[in-house]
PDB file of N, CA and C in Angstrom:
ATOM      1  N   UNK A   1       7.649 -38.110 -14.083  1.00  0.00           N
ATOM      2  CA  UNK A   1       6.993 -36.830 -14.251  1.00  0.00           C
ATOM      3  C   UNK A   1       7.787 -35.756 -13.507  1.00  0.00           C
ATOM      4  N   UNK A   2       8.127 -34.667 -14.204  1.00  0.00           N
ATOM      5  CA  UNK A   2       8.832 -33.565 -13.556  1.00  0.00           C
ATOM      6  C   UNK A   2       7.821 -32.506 -13.146  1.00  0.00           C
ATOM      7  N   UNK A   3       8.093 -31.894 -12.031  1.00  0.00           N
ATOM      8  CA  UNK A   3       7.207 -30.847 -11.530  1.00  0.00           C
ATOM      9  C   UNK A   3       7.731 -29.479 -11.931  1.00  0.00           C
ATOM     10  N   UNK A   4       6.813 -28.566 -12.129  1.00  0.00           N
ATOM     11  CA  UNK A   4       7.186 -27.186 -12.442  1.00  0.00           C
ATOM     12  C   UNK A   4       7.818 -26.555 -11.210  1.00  0.00           C
ATOM     13  N   UNK A   5       8.831 -25.702 -11.411  1.00  0.00           N
ATOM     14  CA  UNK A   5       9.449 -25.050 -10.253  1.00  0.00           C
ATOM     15  C   UNK A   5       8.456 -24.125  -9.549  1.00  0.00           C
ATOM     16  N   UNK A   6       8.579 -24.037  -8.252  1.00  0.00           N
ATOM     17  CA  UNK A   6       7.709 -23.160  -7.464  1.00  0.00           C
ATOM     18  C   UNK A   6       8.312 -21.765  -7.377  1.00  0.00           C
ATOM     19  N   UNK A   7       7.461 -20.773  -7.419  1.00  0.00           N
ATOM     20  CA  UNK A   7       7.919 -19.405  -7.227  1.00  0.00           C
ATOM     21  C   UNK A   7       8.208 -19.201  -5.749  1.00  0.00           C
ATOM     22  N   UNK A   8       9.325 -18.544  -5.450  1.00  0.00           N
ATOM     23  CA  UNK A   8       9.705 -18.376  -4.056  1.00  0.00           C
ATOM     24  C   UNK A   8       9.482 -16.964  -3.535  1.00  0.00           C
ATOM     25  N   UNK A   9       9.146 -16.022  -4.394  1.00  0.00           N
ATOM     26  CA  UNK A   9       8.932 -14.648  -3.936  1.00  0.00           C
ATOM     27  C   UNK A   9       7.452 -14.326  -3.930  1.00  0.00           C
ATOM     28  N   UNK A  10       7.085 -13.267  -3.263  1.00  0.00           N
ATOM     29  CA  UNK A  10       5.679 -12.916  -3.105  1.00  0.00           C
ATOM     30  C   UNK A  10       5.315 -11.607  -3.794  1.00  0.00           C
ATOM     31  N   UNK A  11       6.138 -11.127  -4.731  1.00  0.00           N
ATOM     32  CA  UNK A  11       5.821  -9.887  -5.412  1.00  0.00           C
ATOM     33  C   UNK A  11       4.747 -10.149  -6.459  1.00  0.00           C
ATOM     34  N   UNK A  12       3.581  -9.572  -6.234  1.00  0.00           N
ATOM     35  CA  UNK A  12       2.474  -9.747  -7.159  1.00  0.00           C
ATOM     36  C   UNK A  12       2.095  -8.385  -7.709  1.00  0.00           C
ATOM     37  N   UNK A  13       2.068  -8.299  -9.020  1.00  0.00           N
ATOM     38  CA  UNK A  13       1.655  -7.083  -9.703  1.00  0.00           C
ATOM     39  C   UNK A  13       0.340  -7.388 -10.401  1.00  0.00           C
ATOM     40  N   UNK A  14      -0.570  -6.429 -10.377  1.00  0.00           N
ATOM     41  CA  UNK A  14      -1.872  -6.660 -10.994  1.00  0.00           C
ATOM     42  C   UNK A  14      -2.214  -5.474 -11.880  1.00  0.00           C
ATOM     43  N   UNK A  15      -2.674  -5.772 -13.088  1.00  0.00           N
ATOM     44  CA  UNK A  15      -3.144  -4.740 -14.007  1.00  0.00           C
ATOM     45  C   UNK A  15      -4.547  -5.129 -14.442  1.00  0.00           C
ATOM     46  N   UNK A  16      -5.495  -4.241 -14.193  1.00  0.00           N
ATOM     47  CA  UNK A  16      -6.885  -4.461 -14.588  1.00  0.00           C
ATOM     48  C   UNK A  16      -7.278  -3.417 -15.620  1.00  0.00           C
ATOM     49  N   UNK A  17      -8.095  -3.802 -16.554  1.00  0.00           N
ATOM     50  CA  UNK A  17      -8.654  -2.883 -17.533  1.00  0.00           C
ATOM     51  C   UNK A  17      -9.997  -2.421 -17.003  1.00  0.00           C
ATOM     52  N   UNK A  18     -10.232  -1.121 -17.044  1.00  0.00           N
ATOM     53  CA  UNK A  18     -11.508  -0.578 -16.584  1.00  0.00           C
ATOM     54  C   UNK A  18     -12.477  -0.598 -17.767  1.00  0.00           C
ATOM     55  N   UNK A  19     -13.459  -1.501 -17.779  1.00  0.00           N
ATOM     56  CA  UNK A  19     -14.380  -1.652 -18.906  1.00  0.00           C
ATOM     57  C   UNK A  19     -15.034  -0.335 -19.318  1.00  0.00           C
ATOM     58  N   UNK A  20     -15.155  -0.166 -20.631  1.00  0.00           N
ATOM     59  CA  UNK A  20     -15.767   1.048 -21.164  1.00  0.00           C
ATOM     60  C   UNK A  20     -14.807   2.209 -21.288  1.00  0.00           C
ATOM     61  N   UNK A  21     -13.536   1.988 -20.939  1.00  0.00           N
ATOM     62  CA  UNK A  21     -12.519   3.047 -21.020  1.00  0.00           C
ATOM     63  C   UNK A  21     -11.261   2.481 -21.673  1.00  0.00           C
ATOM     64  N   UNK A  22     -10.283   3.350 -21.867  1.00  0.00           N
ATOM     65  CA  UNK A  22      -8.959   2.929 -22.319  1.00  0.00           C
ATOM     66  C   UNK A  22      -7.982   2.924 -21.152  1.00  0.00           C
ATOM     67  N   UNK A  23      -8.486   2.910 -19.934  1.00  0.00           N
ATOM     68  CA  UNK A  23      -7.664   3.063 -18.736  1.00  0.00           C
ATOM     69  C   UNK A  23      -7.300   1.698 -18.140  1.00  0.00           C
ATOM     70  N   UNK A  24      -6.016   1.581 -17.788  1.00  0.00           N
ATOM     71  CA  UNK A  24      -5.512   0.419 -17.062  1.00  0.00           C
ATOM     72  C   UNK A  24      -5.283   0.844 -15.613  1.00  0.00           C
ATOM     73  N   UNK A  25      -5.619  -0.015 -14.681  1.00  0.00           N
ATOM     74  CA  UNK A  25      -5.421   0.263 -13.263  1.00  0.00           C
ATOM     75  C   UNK A  25      -4.424  -0.756 -12.734  1.00  0.00           C
ATOM     76  N   UNK A  26      -3.264  -0.264 -12.273  1.00  0.00           N
ATOM     77  CA  UNK A  26      -2.224  -1.158 -11.773  1.00  0.00           C
ATOM     78  C   UNK A  26      -2.098  -1.099 -10.271  1.00  0.00           C
ATOM     79  N   UNK A  27      -1.806  -2.246  -9.671  1.00  0.00           N
ATOM     80  CA  UNK A  27      -1.564  -2.337  -8.239  1.00  0.00           C
ATOM     81  C   UNK A  27      -0.240  -3.055  -8.032  1.00  0.00           C
ATOM     82  N   UNK A  28       0.672  -2.414  -7.318  1.00  0.00           N
ATOM     83  CA  UNK A  28       1.993  -2.970  -7.032  1.00  0.00           C
ATOM     84  C   UNK A  28       1.909  -3.902  -5.823  1.00  0.00           C
ATOM     85  N   UNK A  29       2.917  -4.721  -5.658  1.00  0.00           N
ATOM     86  CA  UNK A  29       2.960  -5.625  -4.504  1.00  0.00           C
ATOM     87  C   UNK A  29       2.984  -4.876  -3.186  1.00  0.00           C
ATOM     88  N   UNK A  30       3.408  -3.585  -3.213  1.00  0.00           N
ATOM     89  CA  UNK A  30       3.454  -2.793  -1.979  1.00  0.00           C
ATOM     90  C   UNK A  30       2.103  -2.161  -1.656  1.00  0.00           C
ATOM     91  N   UNK A  31       1.145  -2.260  -2.602  1.00  0.00           N
ATOM     92  CA  UNK A  31      -0.172  -1.686  -2.382  1.00  0.00           C
ATOM     93  C   UNK A  31      -0.384  -0.360  -3.088  1.00  0.00           C
ATOM     94  N   UNK A  32       0.683   0.229  -3.663  1.00  0.00           N
ATOM     95  CA  UNK A  32       0.549   1.482  -4.402  1.00  0.00           C
ATOM     96  C   UNK A  32      -0.276   1.230  -5.659  1.00  0.00           C
ATOM     97  N   UNK A  33      -1.046   2.243  -6.080  1.00  0.00           N
ATOM     98  CA  UNK A  33      -1.904   2.120  -7.243  1.00  0.00           C
ATOM     99  C   UNK A  33      -1.596   3.209  -8.248  1.00  0.00           C
ATOM    100  N   UNK A  34      -1.869   2.915  -9.521  1.00  0.00           N
ATOM    101  CA  UNK A  34      -1.566   3.852 -10.600  1.00  0.00           C
ATOM    102  C   UNK A  34      -2.522   3.579 -11.749  1.00  0.00           C
ATOM    103  N   UNK A  35      -2.902   4.621 -12.490  1.00  0.00           N
ATOM    104  CA  UNK A  35      -3.756   4.455 -13.663  1.00  0.00           C
ATOM    105  C   UNK A  35      -3.064   5.061 -14.872  1.00  0.00           C
ATOM    106  N   UNK A  36      -3.237   4.419 -16.021  1.00  0.00           N
ATOM    107  CA  UNK A  36      -2.624   4.891 -17.254  1.00  0.00           C
ATOM    108  C   UNK A  36      -3.354   4.302 -18.443  1.00  0.00           C
ATOM    109  N   UNK A  37      -3.309   5.006 -19.571  1.00  0.00           N
ATOM    110  CA  UNK A  37      -3.853   4.471 -20.809  1.00  0.00           C
ATOM    111  C   UNK A  37      -2.781   3.725 -21.598  1.00  0.00           C
ATOM    112  N   UNK A  38      -1.529   3.888 -21.229  1.00  0.00           N
ATOM    113  CA  UNK A  38      -0.407   3.288 -21.950  1.00  0.00           C
ATOM    114  C   UNK A  38       0.108   2.058 -21.203  1.00  0.00           C
ATOM    115  N   UNK A  39      -0.014   0.856 -21.793  1.00  0.00           N
ATOM    116  CA  UNK A  39       0.433  -0.355 -21.097  1.00  0.00           C
ATOM    117  C   UNK A  39       1.937  -0.374 -20.815  1.00  0.00           C
ATOM    118  N   UNK A  40       2.739   0.201 -21.708  1.00  0.00           N
ATOM    119  CA  UNK A  40       4.190   0.234 -21.477  1.00  0.00           C
ATOM    120  C   UNK A  40       4.508   1.116 -20.278  1.00  0.00           C
ATOM    121  N   UNK A  41       3.878   2.284 -20.224  1.00  0.00           N
ATOM    122  CA  UNK A  41       4.085   3.191 -19.087  1.00  0.00           C
ATOM    123  C   UNK A  41       3.641   2.535 -17.796  1.00  0.00           C
ATOM    124  N   UNK A  42       2.538   1.778 -17.843  1.00  0.00           N
ATOM    125  CA  UNK A  42       2.045   1.100 -16.644  1.00  0.00           C
ATOM    126  C   UNK A  42       3.078   0.102 -16.121  1.00  0.00           C
ATOM    127  N   UNK A  43       3.617  -0.747 -16.999  1.00  0.00           N
ATOM    128  CA  UNK A  43       4.586  -1.743 -16.558  1.00  0.00           C
ATOM    129  C   UNK A  43       5.897  -1.104 -16.129  1.00  0.00           C
ATOM    130  N   UNK A  44       6.306  -0.012 -16.777  1.00  0.00           N
ATOM    131  CA  UNK A  44       7.510   0.694 -16.321  1.00  0.00           C
ATOM    132  C   UNK A  44       7.307   1.205 -14.910  1.00  0.00           C
ATOM    133  N   UNK A  45       6.124   1.746 -14.622  1.00  0.00           N
ATOM    134  CA  UNK A  45       5.824   2.231 -13.273  1.00  0.00           C
ATOM    135  C   UNK A  45       5.846   1.076 -12.275  1.00  0.00           C
ATOM    136  N   UNK A  46       5.191  -0.022 -12.613  1.00  0.00           N
ATOM    137  CA  UNK A  46       5.142  -1.165 -11.698  1.00  0.00           C
ATOM    138  C   UNK A  46       6.534  -1.709 -11.387  1.00  0.00           C
ATOM    139  N   UNK A  47       7.389  -1.792 -12.389  1.00  0.00           N
ATOM    140  CA  UNK A  47       8.697  -2.409 -12.206  1.00  0.00           C
ATOM    141  C   UNK A  47       9.767  -1.442 -11.706  1.00  0.00           C
ATOM    142  N   UNK A  48       9.442  -0.154 -11.557  1.00  0.00           N
ATOM    143  CA  UNK A  48      10.422   0.831 -11.088  1.00  0.00           C
ATOM    144  C   UNK A  48      10.433   0.973  -9.573  1.00  0.00           C
ATOM    145  N   UNK A  49       9.817   0.061  -8.891  1.00  0.00           N
ATOM    146  CA  UNK A  49       9.694   0.117  -7.431  1.00  0.00           C
ATOM    147  C   UNK A  49      11.034   0.373  -6.756  1.00  0.00           C
ATOM    148  N   UNK A  50      11.130   1.272  -5.817  1.00  0.00           N
ATOM    149  CA  UNK A  50      10.071   2.048  -5.182  1.00  0.00           C
ATOM    150  C   UNK A  50       9.877   3.438  -5.766  1.00  0.00           C
ATOM    151  N   UNK A  51      10.610   3.811  -6.808  1.00  0.00           N
ATOM    152  CA  UNK A  51      10.501   5.154  -7.373  1.00  0.00           C
ATOM    153  C   UNK A  51       9.075   5.432  -7.846  1.00  0.00           C
ATOM    154  N   UNK A  52       8.467   6.502  -7.329  1.00  0.00           N
ATOM    155  CA  UNK A  52       7.121   6.860  -7.711  1.00  0.00           C
ATOM    156  C   UNK A  52       6.035   6.124  -6.971  1.00  0.00           C
ATOM    157  N   UNK A  53       6.394   5.291  -6.027  1.00  0.00           N
ATOM    158  CA  UNK A  53       5.413   4.488  -5.306  1.00  0.00           C
ATOM    159  C   UNK A  53       5.131   5.071  -3.925  1.00  0.00           C
ATOM    160  N   UNK A  54       3.867   5.177  -3.616  1.00  0.00           N
ATOM    161  CA  UNK A  54       3.429   5.546  -2.273  1.00  0.00           C
ATOM    162  C   UNK A  54       2.470   4.447  -1.836  1.00  0.00           C
ATOM    163  N   UNK A  55       2.922   3.553  -0.940  1.00  0.00           N
ATOM    164  CA  UNK A  55       2.073   2.441  -0.520  1.00  0.00           C
ATOM    165  C   UNK A  55       0.723   2.899   0.023  1.00  0.00           C
ATOM    166  N   UNK A  56      -0.301   2.075  -0.202  1.00  0.00           N
ATOM    167  CA  UNK A  56      -1.638   2.362   0.269  1.00  0.00           C
ATOM    168  C   UNK A  56      -1.626   2.575   1.768  1.00  0.00           C
ATOM    169  N   UNK A  57      -2.325   3.599   2.252  1.00  0.00           N
ATOM    170  CA  UNK A  57      -2.417   3.874   3.680  1.00  0.00           C
ATOM    171  C   UNK A  57      -1.342   4.825   4.182  1.00  0.00           C
ATOM    172  N   UNK A  58      -0.362   5.186   3.316  1.00  0.00           N
ATOM    173  CA  UNK A  58       0.732   6.052   3.736  1.00  0.00           C
ATOM    174  C   UNK A  58       0.517   7.469   3.195  1.00  0.00           C
ATOM    175  N   UNK A  59      -0.421   7.645   2.322  1.00  0.00           N
ATOM    176  CA  UNK A  59      -0.654   8.956   1.684  1.00  0.00           C
ATOM    177  C   UNK A  59      -1.144   9.965   2.706  1.00  0.00           C
ATOM    178  N   UNK A  60      -0.733  11.204   2.481  1.00  0.00           N
ATOM    179  CA  UNK A  60      -1.066  12.240   3.436  1.00  0.00           C
ATOM    180  C   UNK A  60      -2.248  13.050   3.151  1.00  0.00           C
TER     181      UNK A  60
END
């Protein structure tokens, strides 16, 4: 029996759909958050780190 390879990095991206809306809510591994109705735009934002990202707790 072969085992599946283990992931070695800790970058976790999360996209949630807000029920009753067309809005997606994304959270980057750094804690930055973003909302969009366009799934492509959401993933482009998530994967463009750090451009456009302000980690949670750092906002002024």
